[in-house]
Amino acid sequence: MLAMRFSLTTWNINSVRLRIDLVAKFLKSMRPDVLCLQETKCIDDAFPLKRFKRLGYEHVALNGQKGYHGVAVISKLPFEATDIRTFCDNIDSRHISVAFGAKAQLSKPLVLHNFYVPAGGDIPDPALNPKFEHKLRFLDEMKACEPLHPRGDDRHILVGDLNVAPHENDVWSHKQLLKVVSHTPIECEKLLAAQTHGEWVDVARARIPLSEKVYTWWSYRAADWTLADRGRRLDHIWVSRALKDGVSDFRITKDARGWARPSDHVPVTTKDGRESMRYVHPSRRLLRKLLRMRSEIYSQPLTSGAFAASRRMDHGPHGSRRRKRASSP
């Protein structure tokens, strides 16, 4: 098997069919092993599977619905299992998980959760805004959800658009956004409680000091998003403690916000550089086997009988090269 880095990207694409060319552009450039999408906004039967397979991503797990929400895991590596959980008694396509294991040639199992947390509307008052009340309950249920509590050697990853910027420098202005949905104290408190209760490690803040500004989302409303730079960090990658030391890279593809007809979110990518993450595609394994057999054949010394046989193949049965008899004039 060939050791490799396991790379993972999360991206709220805001309609996968509308922005499939942008997804293809990103995949051709970054080549992550796994891509987690949120807000796919299409039913499973309408998902552009063929396009992803042409790009080398043959394994897809979907939880979609028409026009709203929707999550997907697109992978080069095969899954052992997939699962969908519902929250707040709503069937609204906000979660999907996959498990990797022997089929992907991982030395230990790996579970991946992909979330799209409710945005929460505009009014940060659960008594006046049912959407905000839904969001708070959703965060509470994430905290209480037993499968989201990895312990010991459990290798789990939780990613997605969690729709909360929990720290002061996860927004362009902490003071001005304290009463704006996504950065209110109660939202931040509940998301951090879910993170703490699950003993999750926030990859971004494990690698980037809390004193530095970090954004993954810029509003469509800004006339010039680059000049204003009024961003928020709404997209997250959490890993269990067993995976913390293996993280070898983290990056935010900010340039994607400036692509033609972009999502208002950008891709967020991490890599695990340990050799325990391994996968070789079956077709490549077959090719390597054939090449190894060919190499073994040609590296063996020829016996006298084999040498004679090789001469007969080259020179004919009498040891001399066959010559085509010239035709009579």
Protein backbone atom coordinates (compact mmCIF):
# COMPACT_ATOMS: atom_id res chain seq x y z
CA MET A 1 0.00 0.00 0.00
CA LEU A 2 1.07 3.56 -0.65
CA ALA A 3 1.05 5.89 2.35
CA MET A 4 -0.72 9.15 1.76
CA ARG A 5 -2.16 12.18 3.48
CA PHE A 6 -5.87 12.09 4.18
CA SER A 7 -7.32 15.43 3.11
CA LEU A 8 -10.81 16.74 3.77
CA THR A 9 -12.70 19.84 2.62
CA THR A 10 -15.97 21.30 3.87
CA TRP A 11 -17.87 23.85 1.79
CA ASN A 12 -21.34 25.38 1.89
CA ILE A 13 -21.83 25.50 -1.86
CA ASN A 14 -25.26 27.20 -1.91
CA SER A 15 -26.66 24.98 -4.71
CA VAL A 16 -24.43 22.22 -6.06
CA ARG A 17 -26.07 22.15 -9.49
CA LEU A 18 -25.74 25.90 -9.95
CA ARG A 19 -22.08 25.87 -8.92
CA ILE A 20 -20.89 22.48 -10.11
CA ASP A 21 -18.27 24.13 -12.36
CA LEU A 22 -16.82 25.93 -9.32
CA VAL A 23 -16.72 22.65 -7.42
CA ALA A 24 -14.93 21.00 -10.35
CA LYS A 25 -12.44 23.87 -10.50
CA PHE A 26 -11.67 23.47 -6.82
CA LEU A 27 -11.37 19.68 -6.95
CA LYS A 28 -9.00 19.78 -9.92
CA SER A 29 -6.82 22.23 -8.02
CA MET A 30 -6.86 20.90 -4.45
CA ARG A 31 -7.73 17.21 -4.93
CA PRO A 32 -9.01 16.48 -1.41
CA ASP A 33 -9.80 12.85 -0.67
CA VAL A 34 -13.19 13.79 0.76
CA LEU A 35 -15.47 16.77 0.07
CA CYS A 36 -18.35 17.62 2.41
CA LEU A 37 -20.97 19.95 0.96
CA GLN A 38 -23.80 21.82 2.65
CA GLU A 39 -26.82 23.58 1.15
CA THR A 40 -26.77 21.32 -1.89
CA LYS A 41 -30.41 22.35 -2.51
CA CYS A 42 -31.44 19.37 -4.63
CA ILE A 43 -33.08 16.00 -4.22
CA ASP A 44 -30.81 12.97 -4.29
CA ASP A 45 -31.96 11.88 -7.76
CA ALA A 46 -30.93 15.25 -9.20
CA PHE A 47 -27.44 15.29 -7.68
CA PRO A 48 -24.71 15.54 -10.38
CA LEU A 49 -23.16 12.14 -9.65
CA LYS A 50 -21.72 11.60 -13.13
CA ARG A 51 -19.73 14.82 -12.99
CA PHE A 52 -18.15 13.83 -9.69
CA LYS A 53 -17.32 10.35 -10.94
CA ARG A 54 -15.55 11.84 -13.95
CA LEU A 55 -13.50 13.86 -11.49
CA GLY A 56 -12.47 10.69 -9.66
CA TYR A 57 -14.97 10.74 -6.81
CA GLU A 58 -16.84 7.45 -7.07
CA HIS A 59 -18.36 7.26 -3.59
CA VAL A 60 -21.18 9.62 -2.62
CA ALA A 61 -23.50 9.76 0.40
CA LEU A 62 -26.51 12.05 0.07
CA ASN A 63 -29.21 13.60 2.24
CA GLY A 64 -30.96 16.13 0.02
CA GLN A 65 -34.26 17.86 -0.43
CA LYS A 66 -35.75 20.11 -3.06
CA GLY A 67 -34.74 23.76 -2.94
CA TYR A 68 -33.45 23.89 0.63
CA HIS A 69 -30.70 22.61 2.91
CA GLY A 70 -29.09 19.31 1.89
CA VAL A 71 -25.73 17.73 2.77
CA ALA A 72 -23.43 15.39 0.87
CA VAL A 73 -20.16 13.54 1.32
CA ILE A 74 -18.20 13.00 -1.92
CA SER A 75 -15.19 10.72 -1.62
CA LYS A 76 -12.39 8.95 -3.43
CA LEU A 77 -12.41 6.39 -0.61
CA PRO A 78 -15.18 3.80 -0.21
CA PHE A 79 -17.49 3.87 2.80
CA GLU A 80 -18.14 1.12 5.31
CA ALA A 81 -21.50 2.62 6.27
CA THR A 82 -23.62 5.77 6.08
CA ASP A 83 -26.13 7.22 8.53
CA ILE A 84 -28.59 10.10 8.71
CA ARG A 85 -29.79 11.65 11.96
CA THR A 86 -32.70 14.03 12.47
CA PHE A 87 -32.78 16.86 14.99
CA CYS A 88 -35.67 18.72 16.57
CA ASP A 89 -38.08 16.16 15.05
CA ASN A 90 -37.62 17.79 11.64
CA ILE A 91 -36.79 15.88 8.48
CA ASP A 92 -34.86 18.69 6.83
CA SER A 93 -31.62 17.20 5.49
CA ARG A 94 -29.12 18.75 7.87
CA HIS A 95 -26.88 15.80 8.74
CA ILE A 96 -25.15 12.83 7.19
CA SER A 97 -22.32 10.67 8.49
CA VAL A 98 -20.06 8.09 6.89
CA ALA A 99 -17.65 5.53 8.28
CA PHE A 100 -14.34 4.59 6.67
CA GLY A 101 -12.49 1.39 7.46
CA ALA A 102 -11.13 -1.73 5.82
CA LYS A 103 -12.54 -0.93 2.38
CA ALA A 104 -10.54 2.31 2.41
CA GLN A 105 -7.53 0.45 3.84
CA LEU A 106 -7.46 2.55 6.98
CA SER A 107 -5.60 0.98 9.86
CA LYS A 108 -8.32 2.17 12.27
CA PRO A 109 -11.96 3.17 11.67
CA LEU A 110 -12.81 6.80 11.01
CA VAL A 111 -16.26 8.38 11.40
CA LEU A 112 -17.14 11.64 9.65
CA HIS A 113 -20.16 13.83 10.46
CA ASN A 114 -21.31 16.56 8.05
CA PHE A 115 -23.71 19.22 9.44
CA TYR A 116 -25.73 22.15 8.23
CA VAL A 117 -26.97 23.94 11.35
CA PRO A 118 -30.04 26.21 10.94
CA ALA A 119 -29.15 29.82 10.18
CA GLY A 120 -31.70 31.13 12.68
CA GLY A 121 -33.38 33.99 10.85
CA ASP A 122 -32.77 37.66 11.62
CA ILE A 123 -34.27 38.28 15.08
CA PRO A 124 -32.17 36.88 17.96
CA ASP A 125 -35.14 36.22 20.22
CA PRO A 126 -36.58 32.68 20.46
CA ALA A 127 -39.90 34.05 21.72
CA LEU A 128 -40.35 36.18 18.61
CA ASN A 129 -38.51 34.12 16.00
CA PRO A 130 -39.30 30.40 15.56
CA LYS A 131 -36.20 29.99 13.34
CA PHE A 132 -33.93 31.21 16.11
CA GLU A 133 -35.68 28.96 18.63
CA HIS A 134 -35.13 26.04 16.24
CA LYS A 135 -31.44 26.85 15.97
CA LEU A 136 -30.95 26.92 19.74
CA ARG A 137 -32.73 23.59 20.17
CA PHE A 138 -30.64 22.11 17.36
CA LEU A 139 -27.42 23.13 19.13
CA ASP A 140 -28.71 21.66 22.40
CA GLU A 141 -29.46 18.36 20.68
CA MET A 142 -25.99 18.30 19.12
CA LYS A 143 -24.55 18.57 22.61
CA ALA A 144 -26.76 15.75 23.90
CA CYS A 145 -26.26 13.43 20.90
CA GLU A 146 -24.29 10.40 22.09
CA PRO A 147 -22.67 9.56 18.71
CA LEU A 148 -21.10 13.04 18.83
CA HIS A 149 -19.15 12.19 21.99
CA PRO A 150 -15.96 10.45 20.80
CA ARG A 151 -13.75 9.16 23.57
CA GLY A 152 -10.33 7.58 23.93
CA ASP A 153 -9.01 6.26 20.63
CA ASP A 154 -12.18 7.09 18.68
CA ARG A 155 -11.25 8.71 15.35
CA HIS A 156 -14.07 11.12 14.56
CA ILE A 157 -14.35 14.29 12.51
CA LEU A 158 -17.23 16.78 12.58
CA VAL A 159 -17.46 19.39 9.83
CA GLY A 160 -19.92 21.75 8.26
CA ASP A 161 -21.60 25.09 8.19
CA LEU A 162 -22.39 25.38 11.89
CA ASN A 163 -23.72 28.92 11.37
CA VAL A 164 -22.08 30.26 14.52
CA ALA A 165 -18.91 32.35 14.80
CA PRO A 166 -18.08 31.53 18.43
CA HIS A 167 -15.02 33.68 19.22
CA GLU A 168 -14.44 37.43 19.18
CA ASN A 169 -12.08 37.31 16.21
CA ASP A 170 -14.33 34.98 14.24
CA VAL A 171 -16.22 38.11 13.16
CA TRP A 172 -15.17 41.44 11.74
CA SER A 173 -16.54 43.36 14.76
CA HIS A 174 -17.34 41.60 18.00
CA LYS A 175 -19.11 44.61 19.52
CA GLN A 176 -21.25 45.39 16.49
CA LEU A 177 -22.35 41.76 16.02
CA LEU A 178 -23.25 40.86 19.59
CA LYS A 179 -26.93 41.26 18.71
CA VAL A 180 -26.66 39.77 15.23
CA VAL A 181 -27.66 36.15 14.66
CA SER A 182 -24.59 33.88 14.35
CA HIS A 183 -22.58 35.74 17.02
CA THR A 184 -25.02 36.33 19.87
CA PRO A 185 -23.76 35.21 23.28
CA ILE A 186 -26.35 32.45 23.60
CA GLU A 187 -25.45 30.90 20.23
CA CYS A 188 -21.73 31.05 20.97
CA GLU A 189 -22.31 29.53 24.40
CA LYS A 190 -24.33 26.63 23.03
CA LEU A 191 -21.94 25.79 20.18
CA LEU A 192 -18.92 25.88 22.49
CA ALA A 193 -20.82 23.72 24.98
CA ALA A 194 -21.42 21.11 22.26
CA GLN A 195 -17.73 21.24 21.36
CA THR A 196 -16.58 20.92 24.96
CA HIS A 197 -19.04 18.15 25.86
CA GLY A 198 -17.87 16.10 22.87
CA GLU A 199 -14.21 16.84 23.65
CA TRP A 200 -13.80 18.12 20.10
CA VAL A 201 -10.75 20.04 18.94
CA ASP A 202 -11.45 23.07 16.73
CA VAL A 203 -8.76 22.65 14.05
CA ALA A 204 -8.78 26.31 12.99
CA ARG A 205 -8.24 27.64 16.48
CA ALA A 206 -5.77 24.89 17.36
CA ARG A 207 -3.55 26.22 14.57
CA ILE A 208 -4.47 29.92 14.43
CA PRO A 209 -4.26 32.05 17.61
CA LEU A 210 -7.52 33.45 18.99
CA SER A 211 -6.01 36.91 18.57
CA GLU A 212 -6.10 36.60 14.75
CA LYS A 213 -9.12 37.26 12.56
CA VAL A 214 -10.38 34.22 10.65
CA TYR A 215 -13.35 34.22 8.23
CA THR A 216 -15.00 31.68 5.93
CA TRP A 217 -18.10 33.68 4.90
CA TRP A 218 -18.68 37.12 3.38
CA SER A 219 -22.16 38.51 2.75
CA TYR A 220 -23.53 38.97 -0.76
CA ARG A 221 -24.81 42.36 0.42
CA ALA A 222 -21.34 43.93 0.46
CA ALA A 223 -20.68 45.98 -2.69
CA ASP A 224 -16.98 45.06 -2.48
CA TRP A 225 -16.45 42.16 -0.10
CA THR A 226 -12.65 42.35 -0.38
CA LEU A 227 -12.53 46.02 0.54
CA ALA A 228 -14.99 45.81 3.42
CA ASP A 229 -13.72 42.38 4.56
CA ARG A 230 -16.67 42.02 6.93
CA GLY A 231 -16.48 38.28 7.31
CA ARG A 232 -17.48 35.61 9.82
CA ARG A 233 -16.11 32.14 10.57
CA LEU A 234 -19.21 29.98 10.18
CA ASP A 235 -17.60 26.86 8.68
CA HIS A 236 -15.79 24.51 11.02
CA ILE A 237 -13.69 21.36 11.21
CA TRP A 238 -13.57 19.58 14.55
CA VAL A 239 -11.56 16.43 15.26
CA SER A 240 -11.55 14.04 18.18
CA ARG A 241 -8.55 14.12 20.50
CA ALA A 242 -7.19 10.93 18.94
CA LEU A 243 -6.74 12.81 15.64
CA LYS A 244 -5.47 16.12 17.00
CA ASP A 245 -1.74 15.41 16.68
CA GLY A 246 -2.11 14.10 13.14
CA VAL A 247 -3.36 17.35 11.62
CA SER A 248 -0.62 18.53 9.29
CA ASP A 249 -2.29 21.35 7.39
CA PHE A 250 -5.25 23.73 7.49
CA ARG A 251 -6.24 26.27 4.88
CA ILE A 252 -9.12 28.50 3.83
CA THR A 253 -9.48 29.04 0.08
CA LYS A 254 -10.46 32.69 0.31
CA ASP A 255 -9.98 33.25 -3.44
CA ALA A 256 -13.09 31.15 -4.11
CA ARG A 257 -15.26 34.01 -2.83
CA GLY A 258 -14.10 36.04 -5.85
CA TRP A 259 -14.91 33.40 -8.49
CA ALA A 260 -17.76 33.94 -10.96
CA ARG A 261 -21.20 33.47 -9.34
CA PRO A 262 -19.64 32.26 -6.07
CA SER A 263 -21.08 30.88 -2.88
CA ASP A 264 -20.90 33.31 0.02
CA HIS A 265 -18.88 30.61 1.85
CA VAL A 266 -15.43 29.35 0.86
CA PRO A 267 -13.83 25.89 1.10
CA VAL A 268 -12.06 24.95 4.32
CA THR A 269 -9.51 22.11 4.12
CA THR A 270 -7.45 20.06 6.55
CA LYS A 271 -4.98 17.21 6.15
CA ASP A 272 -3.94 14.31 8.35
CA GLY A 273 -0.35 13.41 7.54
CA ARG A 274 0.01 10.13 9.39
CA GLU A 275 0.88 6.93 7.56
CA SER A 276 -2.06 5.14 9.20
CA MET A 277 -4.31 6.82 6.62
CA ARG A 278 -3.75 4.69 3.51
CA TYR A 279 -5.65 3.87 0.36
CA VAL A 280 -4.77 2.47 -3.05
CA HIS A 281 -7.51 2.23 -5.69
CA PRO A 282 -8.20 -1.40 -6.77
CA SER A 283 -7.27 -0.67 -10.40
CA ARG A 284 -3.92 0.69 -9.27
CA ARG A 285 -3.32 -2.36 -7.10
CA LEU A 286 -3.93 -4.60 -10.15
CA LEU A 287 -1.61 -2.50 -12.30
CA ARG A 288 1.13 -2.66 -9.69
CA LYS A 289 0.72 -6.41 -9.40
CA LEU A 290 1.09 -6.83 -13.18
CA LEU A 291 4.14 -4.58 -13.27
CA ARG A 292 5.70 -6.51 -10.41
CA MET A 293 5.11 -9.80 -12.20
CA ARG A 294 6.63 -8.39 -15.39
CA SER A 295 9.64 -7.16 -13.45
CA GLU A 296 10.13 -10.56 -11.80
CA ILE A 297 9.97 -12.35 -15.16
CA TYR A 298 12.56 -10.14 -16.82
CA SER A 299 14.85 -10.14 -13.79
CA GLN A 300 15.20 -13.96 -13.70
CA PRO A 301 18.41 -15.42 -15.25
CA LEU A 302 17.84 -17.50 -18.37
CA THR A 303 18.64 -21.22 -18.25
CA SER A 304 20.31 -22.85 -21.21
CA GLY A 305 16.99 -24.31 -22.34
CA ALA A 306 15.24 -20.98 -21.99
CA PHE A 307 18.09 -19.29 -23.86
CA ALA A 308 17.76 -21.76 -26.72
CA ALA A 309 14.02 -21.26 -26.81
CA SER A 310 14.49 -17.50 -26.96
CA ARG A 311 16.89 -17.90 -29.91
CA ARG A 312 14.37 -20.08 -31.74
CA MET A 313 11.78 -17.35 -31.24
CA ASP A 314 14.13 -14.76 -32.68
CA HIS A 315 15.91 -16.75 -35.39
CA GLY A 316 13.65 -19.61 -36.36
CA PRO A 317 14.02 -23.37 -35.77
CA HIS A 318 17.53 -23.63 -37.34
CA GLY A 319 19.15 -20.81 -35.40
CA SER A 320 19.43 -18.43 -38.34
CA ARG A 321 17.29 -15.41 -39.04
CA ARG A 322 14.44 -15.99 -41.45
CA ARG A 323 14.78 -14.04 -44.62
CA LYS A 324 12.09 -13.35 -47.05
CA ARG A 325 12.98 -14.96 -50.40
CA ALA A 326 13.28 -12.40 -53.13
CA SER A 327 10.61 -12.73 -55.76
CA SER A 328 11.59 -13.56 -59.36
CA PRO A 329 11.59 -10.64 -61.75
